[in-house]
PDB file of N, CA and C in Angstrom:
ATOM      1  N   MET A   1       0.852  -1.171   0.000  1.00  0.00           N
ATOM      2  CA  MET A   1       0.000   0.000   0.000  1.00  0.00           C
ATOM      3  C   MET A   1       0.891   1.225   0.000  1.00  0.00           C
ATOM      4  N   SER A   2       0.643   2.165  -0.887  1.00  0.00           N
ATOM      5  CA  SER A   2       1.482   3.343  -0.957  1.00  0.00           C
ATOM      6  C   SER A   2       0.873   4.461  -0.130  1.00  0.00           C
ATOM      7  N   THR A   3       1.745   5.329   0.358  1.00  0.00           N
ATOM      8  CA  THR A   3       1.315   6.453   1.171  1.00  0.00           C
ATOM      9  C   THR A   3       1.365   7.712   0.328  1.00  0.00           C
ATOM     10  N   PRO A   4       0.298   8.522   0.318  1.00  0.00           N
ATOM     11  CA  PRO A   4       0.326   9.757  -0.459  1.00  0.00           C
ATOM     12  C   PRO A   4       1.427  10.685   0.033  1.00  0.00           C
ATOM     13  N   ASP A   5       1.975  11.457  -0.878  1.00  0.00           N
ATOM     14  CA  ASP A   5       2.993  12.437  -0.516  1.00  0.00           C
ATOM     15  C   ASP A   5       2.342  13.587   0.228  1.00  0.00           C
ATOM     16  N   ILE A   6       3.108  14.212   1.092  1.00  0.00           N
ATOM     17  CA  ILE A   6       2.623  15.362   1.830  1.00  0.00           C
ATOM     18  C   ILE A   6       3.394  16.570   1.341  1.00  0.00           C
ATOM     19  N   ALA A   7       2.696  17.543   0.810  1.00  0.00           N
ATOM     20  CA  ALA A   7       3.344  18.772   0.379  1.00  0.00           C
ATOM     21  C   ALA A   7       3.568  19.640   1.601  1.00  0.00           C
ATOM     22  N   ARG A   8       4.744  20.162   1.734  1.00  0.00           N
ATOM     23  CA  ARG A   8       5.085  21.043   2.831  1.00  0.00           C
ATOM     24  C   ARG A   8       5.212  22.459   2.287  1.00  0.00           C
ATOM     25  N   PRO A   9       5.126  23.470   3.151  1.00  0.00           N
ATOM     26  CA  PRO A   9       5.261  24.838   2.657  1.00  0.00           C
ATOM     27  C   PRO A   9       6.546  24.986   1.846  1.00  0.00           C
ATOM     28  N   GLY A  10       6.427  25.573   0.662  1.00  0.00           N
ATOM     29  CA  GLY A  10       7.580  25.777  -0.187  1.00  0.00           C
ATOM     30  C   GLY A  10       7.970  24.559  -1.000  1.00  0.00           C
ATOM     31  N   GLN A  11       7.231  23.484  -0.871  1.00  0.00           N
ATOM     32  CA  GLN A  11       7.535  22.241  -1.583  1.00  0.00           C
ATOM     33  C   GLN A  11       6.432  21.985  -2.591  1.00  0.00           C
ATOM     34  N   PRO A  12       6.799  21.687  -3.845  1.00  0.00           N
ATOM     35  CA  PRO A  12       5.761  21.422  -4.846  1.00  0.00           C
ATOM     36  C   PRO A  12       4.902  20.225  -4.448  1.00  0.00           C
ATOM     37  N   ALA A  13       3.608  20.318  -4.737  1.00  0.00           N
ATOM     38  CA  ALA A  13       2.704  19.200  -4.456  1.00  0.00           C
ATOM     39  C   ALA A  13       3.164  17.978  -5.221  1.00  0.00           C
ATOM     40  N   GLY A  14       3.031  16.806  -4.602  1.00  0.00           N
ATOM     41  CA  GLY A  14       3.404  15.561  -5.257  1.00  0.00           C
ATOM     42  C   GLY A  14       4.854  15.174  -5.053  1.00  0.00           C
ATOM     43  N   THR A  15       5.621  15.995  -4.319  1.00  0.00           N
ATOM     44  CA  THR A  15       7.000  15.617  -4.028  1.00  0.00           C
ATOM     45  C   THR A  15       7.110  15.313  -2.559  1.00  0.00           C
ATOM     46  N   ALA A  16       7.950  14.385  -2.223  1.00  0.00           N
ATOM     47  CA  ALA A  16       8.126  13.987  -0.832  1.00  0.00           C
ATOM     48  C   ALA A  16       9.595  14.123  -0.466  1.00  0.00           C
ATOM     49  N   PRO A  17       9.900  14.387   0.820  1.00  0.00           N
ATOM     50  CA  PRO A  17      11.289  14.536   1.232  1.00  0.00           C
ATOM     51  C   PRO A  17      12.061  13.230   1.140  1.00  0.00           C
ATOM     52  N   SER A  18      11.398  12.103   1.232  1.00  0.00           N
ATOM     53  CA  SER A  18      12.086  10.818   1.115  1.00  0.00           C
ATOM     54  C   SER A  18      11.150   9.834   0.429  1.00  0.00           C
ATOM     55  N   ALA A  19      11.727   8.758  -0.087  1.00  0.00           N
ATOM     56  CA  ALA A  19      10.919   7.761  -0.791  1.00  0.00           C
ATOM     57  C   ALA A  19      10.300   6.756   0.166  1.00  0.00           C
ATOM     58  N   ARG A  20      10.647   6.814   1.432  1.00  0.00           N
ATOM     59  CA  ARG A  20      10.119   5.856   2.398  1.00  0.00           C
ATOM     60  C   ARG A  20       8.675   6.176   2.756  1.00  0.00           C
ATOM     61  N   PRO A  21       7.860   5.130   2.949  1.00  0.00           N
ATOM     62  CA  PRO A  21       6.479   5.388   3.382  1.00  0.00           C
ATOM     63  C   PRO A  21       6.469   6.011   4.778  1.00  0.00           C
ATOM     64  N   LEU A  22       5.416   6.760   5.060  1.00  0.00           N
ATOM     65  CA  LEU A  22       5.302   7.437   6.348  1.00  0.00           C
ATOM     66  C   LEU A  22       4.369   6.679   7.277  1.00  0.00           C
ATOM     67  N   VAL A  23       4.645   6.806   8.568  1.00  0.00           N
ATOM     68  CA  VAL A  23       3.874   6.167   9.630  1.00  0.00           C
ATOM     69  C   VAL A  23       3.514   7.248  10.642  1.00  0.00           C
ATOM     70  N   ALA A  24       2.311   7.183  11.183  1.00  0.00           N
ATOM     71  CA  ALA A  24       1.904   8.106  12.240  1.00  0.00           C
ATOM     72  C   ALA A  24       2.004   7.390  13.581  1.00  0.00           C
ATOM     73  N   LEU A  25       2.667   8.033  14.518  1.00  0.00           N
ATOM     74  CA  LEU A  25       2.713   7.533  15.891  1.00  0.00           C
ATOM     75  C   LEU A  25       1.825   8.435  16.733  1.00  0.00           C
ATOM     76  N   ARG A  26       0.883   7.838  17.448  1.00  0.00           N
ATOM     77  CA  ARG A  26       0.017   8.606  18.339  1.00  0.00           C
ATOM     78  C   ARG A  26       0.444   8.323  19.770  1.00  0.00           C
ATOM     79  N   LEU A  27       0.980   9.337  20.427  1.00  0.00           N
ATOM     80  CA  LEU A  27       1.438   9.208  21.802  1.00  0.00           C
ATOM     81  C   LEU A  27       0.433   9.873  22.728  1.00  0.00           C
ATOM     82  N   THR A  28       0.114   9.245  23.823  1.00  0.00           N
ATOM     83  CA  THR A  28      -0.650   9.857  24.895  1.00  0.00           C
ATOM     84  C   THR A  28       0.342  10.094  26.021  1.00  0.00           C
ATOM     85  N   VAL A  29       0.442  11.358  26.456  1.00  0.00           N
ATOM     86  CA  VAL A  29       1.476  11.729  27.423  1.00  0.00           C
ATOM     87  C   VAL A  29       0.874  12.578  28.539  1.00  0.00           C
ATOM     88  N   ASN A  30       1.551  12.597  29.686  1.00  0.00           N
ATOM     89  CA  ASN A  30       1.202  13.545  30.735  1.00  0.00           C
ATOM     90  C   ASN A  30       1.498  14.938  30.204  1.00  0.00           C
ATOM     91  N   ASN A  31       0.611  15.880  30.457  1.00  0.00           N
ATOM     92  CA  ASN A  31       0.746  17.227  29.924  1.00  0.00           C
ATOM     93  C   ASN A  31       1.417  18.128  30.953  1.00  0.00           C
ATOM     94  N   HIS A  32       2.727  18.302  30.792  1.00  0.00           N
ATOM     95  CA  HIS A  32       3.448  19.270  31.607  1.00  0.00           C
ATOM     96  C   HIS A  32       4.736  19.679  30.899  1.00  0.00           C
ATOM     97  N   PRO A  33       5.356  20.787  31.333  1.00  0.00           N
ATOM     98  CA  PRO A  33       6.551  21.279  30.642  1.00  0.00           C
ATOM     99  C   PRO A  33       7.656  20.213  30.565  1.00  0.00           C
ATOM    100  N   GLY A  34       8.278  20.130  29.405  1.00  0.00           N
ATOM    101  CA  GLY A  34       9.410  19.236  29.220  1.00  0.00           C
ATOM    102  C   GLY A  34       9.104  17.929  28.522  1.00  0.00           C
ATOM    103  N   VAL A  35       7.838  17.548  28.448  1.00  0.00           N
ATOM    104  CA  VAL A  35       7.486  16.259  27.840  1.00  0.00           C
ATOM    105  C   VAL A  35       7.845  16.260  26.353  1.00  0.00           C
ATOM    106  N   MET A  36       7.463  17.314  25.642  1.00  0.00           N
ATOM    107  CA  MET A  36       7.768  17.390  24.216  1.00  0.00           C
ATOM    108  C   MET A  36       9.272  17.366  23.990  1.00  0.00           C
ATOM    109  N   SER A  37      10.005  18.039  24.837  1.00  0.00           N
ATOM    110  CA  SER A  37      11.466  18.049  24.733  1.00  0.00           C
ATOM    111  C   SER A  37      12.046  16.647  24.894  1.00  0.00           C
ATOM    112  N   HIS A  38      11.506  15.886  25.830  1.00  0.00           N
ATOM    113  CA  HIS A  38      11.992  14.515  26.036  1.00  0.00           C
ATOM    114  C   HIS A  38      11.694  13.634  24.832  1.00  0.00           C
ATOM    115  N   VAL A  39      10.492  13.750  24.298  1.00  0.00           N
ATOM    116  CA  VAL A  39      10.108  12.935  23.144  1.00  0.00           C
ATOM    117  C   VAL A  39      10.962  13.299  21.933  1.00  0.00           C
ATOM    118  N   CYS A  40      11.013  14.597  21.618  1.00  0.00           N
ATOM    119  CA  CYS A  40      11.783  15.027  20.445  1.00  0.00           C
ATOM    120  C   CYS A  40      13.273  14.778  20.623  1.00  0.00           C
ATOM    121  N   GLY A  41      13.759  14.921  21.848  1.00  0.00           N
ATOM    122  CA  GLY A  41      15.174  14.656  22.127  1.00  0.00           C
ATOM    123  C   GLY A  41      15.554  13.220  21.845  1.00  0.00           C
ATOM    124  N   LEU A  42      14.650  12.305  22.162  1.00  0.00           N
ATOM    125  CA  LEU A  42      14.899  10.892  21.895  1.00  0.00           C
ATOM    126  C   LEU A  42      15.101  10.653  20.403  1.00  0.00           C
ATOM    127  N   PHE A  43      14.237  11.249  19.588  1.00  0.00           N
ATOM    128  CA  PHE A  43      14.364  11.103  18.134  1.00  0.00           C
ATOM    129  C   PHE A  43      15.632  11.792  17.635  1.00  0.00           C
ATOM    130  N   ALA A  44      15.909  12.992  18.151  1.00  0.00           N
ATOM    131  CA  ALA A  44      17.078  13.757  17.697  1.00  0.00           C
ATOM    132  C   ALA A  44      18.388  13.039  18.018  1.00  0.00           C
ATOM    133  N   ARG A  45      18.488  12.477  19.218  1.00  0.00           N
ATOM    134  CA  ARG A  45      19.727  11.777  19.607  1.00  0.00           C
ATOM    135  C   ARG A  45      20.028  10.595  18.711  1.00  0.00           C
ATOM    136  N   ARG A  46      18.990  10.045  18.095  1.00  0.00           N
ATOM    137  CA  ARG A  46      19.179   8.886  17.221  1.00  0.00           C
ATOM    138  C   ARG A  46      19.114   9.266  15.748  1.00  0.00           C
ATOM    139  N   ALA A  47      19.174  10.578  15.465  1.00  0.00           N
ATOM    140  CA  ALA A  47      19.147  11.103  14.094  1.00  0.00           C
ATOM    141  C   ALA A  47      17.958  10.551  13.309  1.00  0.00           C
ATOM    142  N   PHE A  48      16.803  10.490  13.975  1.00  0.00           N
ATOM    143  CA  PHE A  48      15.574   9.992  13.365  1.00  0.00           C
ATOM    144  C   PHE A  48      14.692  11.204  13.105  1.00  0.00           C
ATOM    145  N   ASN A  49      14.474  11.535  11.844  1.00  0.00           N
ATOM    146  CA  ASN A  49      13.742  12.742  11.494  1.00  0.00           C
ATOM    147  C   ASN A  49      12.239  12.604  11.748  1.00  0.00           C
ATOM    148  N   VAL A  50      11.656  13.655  12.288  1.00  0.00           N
ATOM    149  CA  VAL A  50      10.204  13.755  12.447  1.00  0.00           C
ATOM    150  C   VAL A  50       9.719  14.649  11.319  1.00  0.00           C
ATOM    151  N   GLU A  51       8.895  14.107  10.433  1.00  0.00           N
ATOM    152  CA  GLU A  51       8.405  14.841   9.265  1.00  0.00           C
ATOM    153  C   GLU A  51       7.348  15.868   9.636  1.00  0.00           C
ATOM    154  N   ALA A  52       6.495  15.543  10.613  1.00  0.00           N
ATOM    155  CA  ALA A  52       5.437  16.450  11.054  1.00  0.00           C
ATOM    156  C   ALA A  52       5.090  16.110  12.499  1.00  0.00           C
ATOM    157  N   ILE A  53       4.579  17.106  13.203  1.00  0.00           N
ATOM    158  CA  ILE A  53       4.226  16.900  14.608  1.00  0.00           C
ATOM    159  C   ILE A  53       2.998  17.744  14.933  1.00  0.00           C
ATOM    160  N   LEU A  54       2.134  17.190  15.761  1.00  0.00           N
ATOM    161  CA  LEU A  54       0.949  17.893  16.227  1.00  0.00           C
ATOM    162  C   LEU A  54       0.728  17.486  17.673  1.00  0.00           C
ATOM    163  N   CYS A  55       0.420  18.457  18.508  1.00  0.00           N
ATOM    164  CA  CYS A  55       0.170  18.160  19.916  1.00  0.00           C
ATOM    165  C   CYS A  55      -1.050  18.947  20.364  1.00  0.00           C
ATOM    166  N   THR A  56      -1.930  18.286  21.107  1.00  0.00           N
ATOM    167  CA  THR A  56      -3.119  18.957  21.618  1.00  0.00           C
ATOM    168  C   THR A  56      -3.513  18.344  22.963  1.00  0.00           C
ATOM    169  N   PRO A  57      -3.971  19.167  23.900  1.00  0.00           N
ATOM    170  CA  PRO A  57      -4.416  18.630  25.190  1.00  0.00           C
ATOM    171  C   PRO A  57      -5.746  17.905  25.054  1.00  0.00           C
ATOM    172  N   VAL A  58      -5.950  16.893  25.885  1.00  0.00           N
ATOM    173  CA  VAL A  58      -7.209  16.150  25.946  1.00  0.00           C
ATOM    174  C   VAL A  58      -7.570  15.932  27.408  1.00  0.00           C
ATOM    175  N   ASN A  59      -8.775  15.495  27.662  1.00  0.00           N
ATOM    176  CA  ASN A  59      -9.236  15.178  29.021  1.00  0.00           C
ATOM    177  C   ASN A  59      -8.984  16.312  30.008  1.00  0.00           C
ATOM    178  N   GLY A  60      -9.377  17.521  29.621  1.00  0.00           N
ATOM    179  CA  GLY A  60      -9.249  18.648  30.537  1.00  0.00           C
ATOM    180  C   GLY A  60      -7.842  19.184  30.683  1.00  0.00           C
ATOM    181  N   GLY A  61      -6.905  18.743  29.851  1.00  0.00           N
ATOM    182  CA  GLY A  61      -5.556  19.279  29.871  1.00  0.00           C
ATOM    183  C   GLY A  61      -4.554  18.515  30.715  1.00  0.00           C
ATOM    184  N   GLN A  62      -4.974  17.495  31.421  1.00  0.00           N
ATOM    185  CA  GLN A  62      -4.033  16.699  32.208  1.00  0.00           C
ATOM    186  C   GLN A  62      -3.160  15.807  31.332  1.00  0.00           C
ATOM    187  N   VAL A  63      -3.692  15.485  30.165  1.00  0.00           N
ATOM    188  CA  VAL A  63      -3.038  14.576  29.222  1.00  0.00           C
ATOM    189  C   VAL A  63      -3.006  15.272  27.864  1.00  0.00           C
ATOM    190  N   SER A  64      -1.995  14.982  27.071  1.00  0.00           N
ATOM    191  CA  SER A  64      -1.920  15.489  25.707  1.00  0.00           C
ATOM    192  C   SER A  64      -1.751  14.339  24.738  1.00  0.00           C
ATOM    193  N   ARG A  65      -2.155  14.571  23.501  1.00  0.00           N
ATOM    194  CA  ARG A  65      -1.901  13.637  22.410  1.00  0.00           C
ATOM    195  C   ARG A  65      -0.865  14.271  21.517  1.00  0.00           C
ATOM    196  N   ILE A  66       0.143  13.528  21.196  1.00  0.00           N
ATOM    197  CA  ILE A  66       1.168  13.964  20.259  1.00  0.00           C
ATOM    198  C   ILE A  66       1.115  13.017  19.074  1.00  0.00           C
ATOM    199  N   TRP A  67       0.956  13.580  17.887  1.00  0.00           N
ATOM    200  CA  TRP A  67       1.030  12.784  16.664  1.00  0.00           C
ATOM    201  C   TRP A  67       2.342  13.114  15.994  1.00  0.00           C
ATOM    202  N   LEU A  68       3.120  12.091  15.708  1.00  0.00           N
ATOM    203  CA  LEU A  68       4.390  12.238  15.012  1.00  0.00           C
ATOM    204  C   LEU A  68       4.298  11.524  13.673  1.00  0.00           C
ATOM    205  N   LEU A  69       4.668  12.197  12.627  1.00  0.00           N
ATOM    206  CA  LEU A  69       4.725  11.591  11.304  1.00  0.00           C
ATOM    207  C   LEU A  69       6.189  11.294  11.024  1.00  0.00           C
ATOM    208  N   VAL A  70       6.515  10.024  10.871  1.00  0.00           N
ATOM    209  CA  VAL A  70       7.903   9.606  10.680  1.00  0.00           C
ATOM    210  C   VAL A  70       7.998   8.647   9.505  1.00  0.00           C
ATOM    211  N   ALA A  71       9.194   8.534   8.954  1.00  0.00           N
ATOM    212  CA  ALA A  71       9.411   7.597   7.851  1.00  0.00           C
ATOM    213  C   ALA A  71       9.501   6.178   8.393  1.00  0.00           C
ATOM    214  N   GLU A  72       8.938   5.244   7.636  1.00  0.00           N
ATOM    215  CA  GLU A  72       9.097   3.820   7.964  1.00  0.00           C
ATOM    216  C   GLU A  72      10.584   3.512   7.819  1.00  0.00           C
ATOM    217  N   ASP A  73      11.131   2.893   8.824  1.00  0.00           N
ATOM    218  CA  ASP A  73      12.572   2.685   8.879  1.00  0.00           C
ATOM    219  C   ASP A  73      12.827   1.412   9.663  1.00  0.00           C
ATOM    220  N   GLU A  74      13.937   0.766   9.389  1.00  0.00           N
ATOM    221  CA  GLU A  74      14.268  -0.467  10.122  1.00  0.00           C
ATOM    222  C   GLU A  74      14.477  -0.198  11.610  1.00  0.00           C
ATOM    223  N   ARG A  75      14.703   1.068  11.979  1.00  0.00           N
ATOM    224  CA  ARG A  75      14.908   1.420  13.396  1.00  0.00           C
ATOM    225  C   ARG A  75      13.616   1.804  14.107  1.00  0.00           C
ATOM    226  N   LEU A  76      12.508   1.874  13.375  1.00  0.00           N
ATOM    227  CA  LEU A  76      11.277   2.409  13.960  1.00  0.00           C
ATOM    228  C   LEU A  76      10.769   1.590  15.141  1.00  0.00           C
ATOM    229  N   GLU A  77      10.773   0.292  15.045  1.00  0.00           N
ATOM    230  CA  GLU A  77      10.281  -0.535  16.169  1.00  0.00           C
ATOM    231  C   GLU A  77      11.094  -0.274  17.437  1.00  0.00           C
ATOM    232  N   GLN A  78      12.400  -0.142  17.300  1.00  0.00           N
ATOM    233  CA  GLN A  78      13.246   0.169  18.457  1.00  0.00           C
ATOM    234  C   GLN A  78      12.900   1.554  19.001  1.00  0.00           C
ATOM    235  N   MET A  79      12.650   2.515  18.113  1.00  0.00           N
ATOM    236  CA  MET A  79      12.268   3.859  18.560  1.00  0.00           C
ATOM    237  C   MET A  79      10.966   3.814  19.356  1.00  0.00           C
ATOM    238  N   VAL A  80       9.996   3.057  18.875  1.00  0.00           N
ATOM    239  CA  VAL A  80       8.712   2.942  19.577  1.00  0.00           C
ATOM    240  C   VAL A  80       8.939   2.333  20.962  1.00  0.00           C
ATOM    241  N   ARG A  81       9.758   1.305  21.050  1.00  0.00           N
ATOM    242  CA  ARG A  81      10.043   0.699  22.369  1.00  0.00           C
ATOM    243  C   ARG A  81      10.697   1.707  23.301  1.00  0.00           C
ATOM    244  N   GLN A  82      11.602   2.530  22.773  1.00  0.00           N
ATOM    245  CA  GLN A  82      12.278   3.518  23.620  1.00  0.00           C
ATOM    246  C   GLN A  82      11.329   4.642  24.032  1.00  0.00           C
ATOM    247  N   VAL A  83      10.447   5.059  23.143  1.00  0.00           N
ATOM    248  CA  VAL A  83       9.458   6.091  23.492  1.00  0.00           C
ATOM    249  C   VAL A  83       8.561   5.574  24.607  1.00  0.00           C
ATOM    250  N   ARG A  84       8.151   4.319  24.525  1.00  0.00           N
ATOM    251  CA  ARG A  84       7.279   3.746  25.565  1.00  0.00           C
ATOM    252  C   ARG A  84       7.934   3.758  26.941  1.00  0.00           C
ATOM    253  N   LYS A  85       9.259   3.742  26.986  1.00  0.00           N
ATOM    254  CA  LYS A  85       9.979   3.736  28.261  1.00  0.00           C
ATOM    255  C   LYS A  85      10.053   5.106  28.917  1.00  0.00           C
ATOM    256  N   LEU A  86       9.761   6.173  28.166  1.00  0.00           N
ATOM    257  CA  LEU A  86       9.807   7.506  28.754  1.00  0.00           C
ATOM    258  C   LEU A  86       8.751   7.622  29.856  1.00  0.00           C
ATOM    259  N   HIS A  87       9.135   8.231  30.955  1.00  0.00           N
ATOM    260  CA  HIS A  87       8.302   8.305  32.159  1.00  0.00           C
ATOM    261  C   HIS A  87       6.899   8.868  31.903  1.00  0.00           C
ATOM    262  N   ASP A  88       6.801   9.927  31.124  1.00  0.00           N
ATOM    263  CA  ASP A  88       5.512  10.596  30.933  1.00  0.00           C
ATOM    264  C   ASP A  88       4.709  10.076  29.751  1.00  0.00           C
ATOM    265  N   VAL A  89       5.205   9.080  29.056  1.00  0.00           N
ATOM    266  CA  VAL A  89       4.467   8.506  27.931  1.00  0.00           C
ATOM    267  C   VAL A  89       3.543   7.420  28.465  1.00  0.00           C
ATOM    268  N   LEU A  90       2.241   7.605  28.269  1.00  0.00           N
ATOM    269  CA  LEU A  90       1.247   6.669  28.788  1.00  0.00           C
ATOM    270  C   LEU A  90       0.867   5.597  27.772  1.00  0.00           C
ATOM    271  N   ASP A  91       0.926   5.946  26.471  1.00  0.00           N
ATOM    272  CA  ASP A  91       0.524   5.003  25.428  1.00  0.00           C
ATOM    273  C   ASP A  91       1.157   5.424  24.108  1.00  0.00           C
ATOM    274  N   VAL A  92       1.491   4.449  23.279  1.00  0.00           N
ATOM    275  CA  VAL A  92       1.990   4.705  21.930  1.00  0.00           C
ATOM    276  C   VAL A  92       1.247   3.777  20.987  1.00  0.00           C
ATOM    277  N   ARG A  93       0.680   4.362  19.940  1.00  0.00           N
ATOM    278  CA  ARG A  93       0.013   3.563  18.914  1.00  0.00           C
ATOM    279  C   ARG A  93       0.577   3.936  17.565  1.00  0.00           C
ATOM    280  N   ARG A  94       0.830   2.929  16.791  1.00  0.00           N
ATOM    281  CA  ARG A  94       1.375   3.112  15.447  1.00  0.00           C
ATOM    282  C   ARG A  94       0.245   2.926  14.447  1.00  0.00           C
ATOM    283  N   ARG A  95       0.148   3.856  13.483  1.00  0.00           N
ATOM    284  CA  ARG A  95      -0.916   3.789  12.489  1.00  0.00           C
ATOM    285  C   ARG A  95      -0.344   4.082  11.107  1.00  0.00           C
ATOM    286  N   PRO A  96      -0.950   3.493  10.086  1.00  0.00           N
ATOM    287  CA  PRO A  96      -0.529   3.875   8.732  1.00  0.00           C
ATOM    288  C   PRO A  96      -0.835   5.360   8.526  1.00  0.00           C
ATOM    289  N   ALA A  97       0.032   6.053   7.852  1.00  0.00           N
ATOM    290  CA  ALA A  97      -0.165   7.484   7.634  1.00  0.00           C
ATOM    291  C   ALA A  97      -0.696   7.715   6.236  1.00  0.00           C
ATOM    292  N   GLY A  98      -1.957   8.080   6.150  1.00  0.00           N
ATOM    293  CA  GLY A  98      -2.516   8.435   4.862  1.00  0.00           C
ATOM    294  C   GLY A  98      -1.926   9.732   4.350  1.00  0.00           C
ATOM    295  N   GLY A  99      -1.468  10.569   5.264  1.00  0.00           N
ATOM    296  CA  GLY A  99      -0.844  11.814   4.883  1.00  0.00           C
ATOM    297  C   GLY A  99      -1.815  12.953   4.644  1.00  0.00           C
ATOM    298  N   GLU A 100      -3.037  12.653   4.276  1.00  0.00           N
ATOM    299  CA  GLU A 100      -3.990  13.702   3.943  1.00  0.00           C
ATOM    300  C   GLU A 100      -4.296  14.603   5.144  1.00  0.00           C
ATOM    301  N   ALA A 101      -4.429  14.035   6.319  1.00  0.00           N
ATOM    302  CA  ALA A 101      -4.752  14.842   7.492  1.00  0.00           C
ATOM    303  C   ALA A 101      -3.631  15.828   7.807  1.00  0.00           C
ATOM    304  N   PHE A 102      -2.379  15.376   7.747  1.00  0.00           N
ATOM    305  CA  PHE A 102      -1.260  16.276   8.017  1.00  0.00           C
ATOM    306  C   PHE A 102      -1.166  17.347   6.924  1.00  0.00           C
ATOM    307  N   ALA A 103      -1.446  17.003   5.680  1.00  0.00           N
ATOM    308  CA  ALA A 103      -1.423  17.979   4.588  1.00  0.00           C
ATOM    309  C   ALA A 103      -2.501  19.037   4.810  1.00  0.00           C
ATOM    310  N   ARG A 104      -3.701  18.616   5.250  1.00  0.00           N
ATOM    311  CA  ARG A 104      -4.768  19.575   5.520  1.00  0.00           C
ATOM    312  C   ARG A 104      -4.394  20.495   6.675  1.00  0.00           C
ATOM    313  N   LEU A 105      -3.749  19.943   7.702  1.00  0.00           N
ATOM    314  CA  LEU A 105      -3.297  20.778   8.816  1.00  0.00           C
ATOM    315  C   LEU A 105      -2.264  21.792   8.353  1.00  0.00           C
ATOM    316  N   ALA A 106      -1.348  21.376   7.476  1.00  0.00           N
ATOM    317  CA  ALA A 106      -0.346  22.297   6.937  1.00  0.00           C
ATOM    318  C   ALA A 106      -1.031  23.425   6.170  1.00  0.00           C
ATOM    319  N   ASP A 107      -2.065  23.088   5.398  1.00  0.00           N
ATOM    320  CA  ASP A 107      -2.821  24.111   4.669  1.00  0.00           C
ATOM    321  C   ASP A 107      -3.497  25.074   5.644  1.00  0.00           C
ATOM    322  N   CYS A 108      -4.086  24.553   6.710  1.00  0.00           N
ATOM    323  CA  CYS A 108      -4.746  25.397   7.715  1.00  0.00           C
ATOM    324  C   CYS A 108      -3.746  26.344   8.374  1.00  0.00           C
ATOM    325  N   MET A 109      -2.580  25.828   8.717  1.00  0.00           N
ATOM    326  CA  MET A 109      -1.569  26.664   9.360  1.00  0.00           C
ATOM    327  C   MET A 109      -1.060  27.740   8.405  1.00  0.00           C
ATOM    328  N   ALA A 110      -0.892  27.389   7.123  1.00  0.00           N
ATOM    329  CA  ALA A 110      -0.447  28.381   6.133  1.00  0.00           C
ATOM    330  C   ALA A 110      -1.493  29.484   6.007  1.00  0.00           C
ATOM    331  N   ALA A 111      -2.773  29.129   5.997  1.00  0.00           N
ATOM    332  CA  ALA A 111      -3.847  30.115   5.916  1.00  0.00           C
ATOM    333  C   ALA A 111      -3.842  31.008   7.157  1.00  0.00           C
ATOM    334  N   TRP A 112      -3.663  30.410   8.314  1.00  0.00           N
ATOM    335  CA  TRP A 112      -3.613  31.183   9.556  1.00  0.00           C
ATOM    336  C   TRP A 112      -2.446  32.161   9.528  1.00  0.00           C
ATOM    337  N   GLU A 113      -1.282  31.712   9.049  1.00  0.00           N
ATOM    338  CA  GLU A 113      -0.112  32.577   8.973  1.00  0.00           C
ATOM    339  C   GLU A 113      -0.361  33.748   8.008  1.00  0.00           C
ATOM    340  N   ARG A 114      -1.038  33.466   6.897  1.00  0.00           N
ATOM    341  CA  ARG A 114      -1.354  34.551   5.958  1.00  0.00           C
ATOM    342  C   ARG A 114      -2.303  35.572   6.609  1.00  0.00           C
ATOM    343  N   GLU A 115      -3.279  35.067   7.362  1.00  0.00           N
ATOM    344  CA  GLU A 115      -4.252  35.951   8.009  1.00  0.00           C
ATOM    345  C   GLU A 115      -3.618  36.811   9.088  1.00  0.00           C
ATOM    346  N   THR A 116      -2.651  36.269   9.802  1.00  0.00           N
ATOM    347  CA  THR A 116      -2.080  36.976  10.943  1.00  0.00           C
ATOM    348  C   THR A 116      -0.801  37.735  10.597  1.00  0.00           C
ATOM    349  N   ALA A 117      -0.310  37.599   9.364  1.00  0.00           N
ATOM    350  CA  ALA A 117       0.907  38.313   8.953  1.00  0.00           C
ATOM    351  C   ALA A 117       0.609  39.806   8.871  1.00  0.00           C
ATOM    352  N   GLY A 118       1.581  40.594   9.331  1.00  0.00           N
ATOM    353  CA  GLY A 118       1.415  42.055   9.160  1.00  0.00           C
ATOM    354  C   GLY A 118       1.094  42.735  10.369  1.00  0.00           C
TER     355      GLY A 118
END
């Protein structure tokens, strides 16, 4: 099954940064300062690129959901195991990334930036 390409700002539609299929990781985490830094730091220390990221509070703000769009890679299963070991990570779910939702979010953010520029 192929994954649609995600156009990023400044990138022509239909082109992708890599030929690898993308996977969405949905993390449920405790919502407090430093959690995002710990999650992103784990990926950065292992030179594992995050293609897109979205975070939003749920359940009254005590918990947040972080969606990470990453390339399918032979190291991904190990990354998921290491993310699960982080103290504030409550759950990790791996899902196929259709890409359309992240592309729509990118379009929404670009529109918001145009509206608020100036």
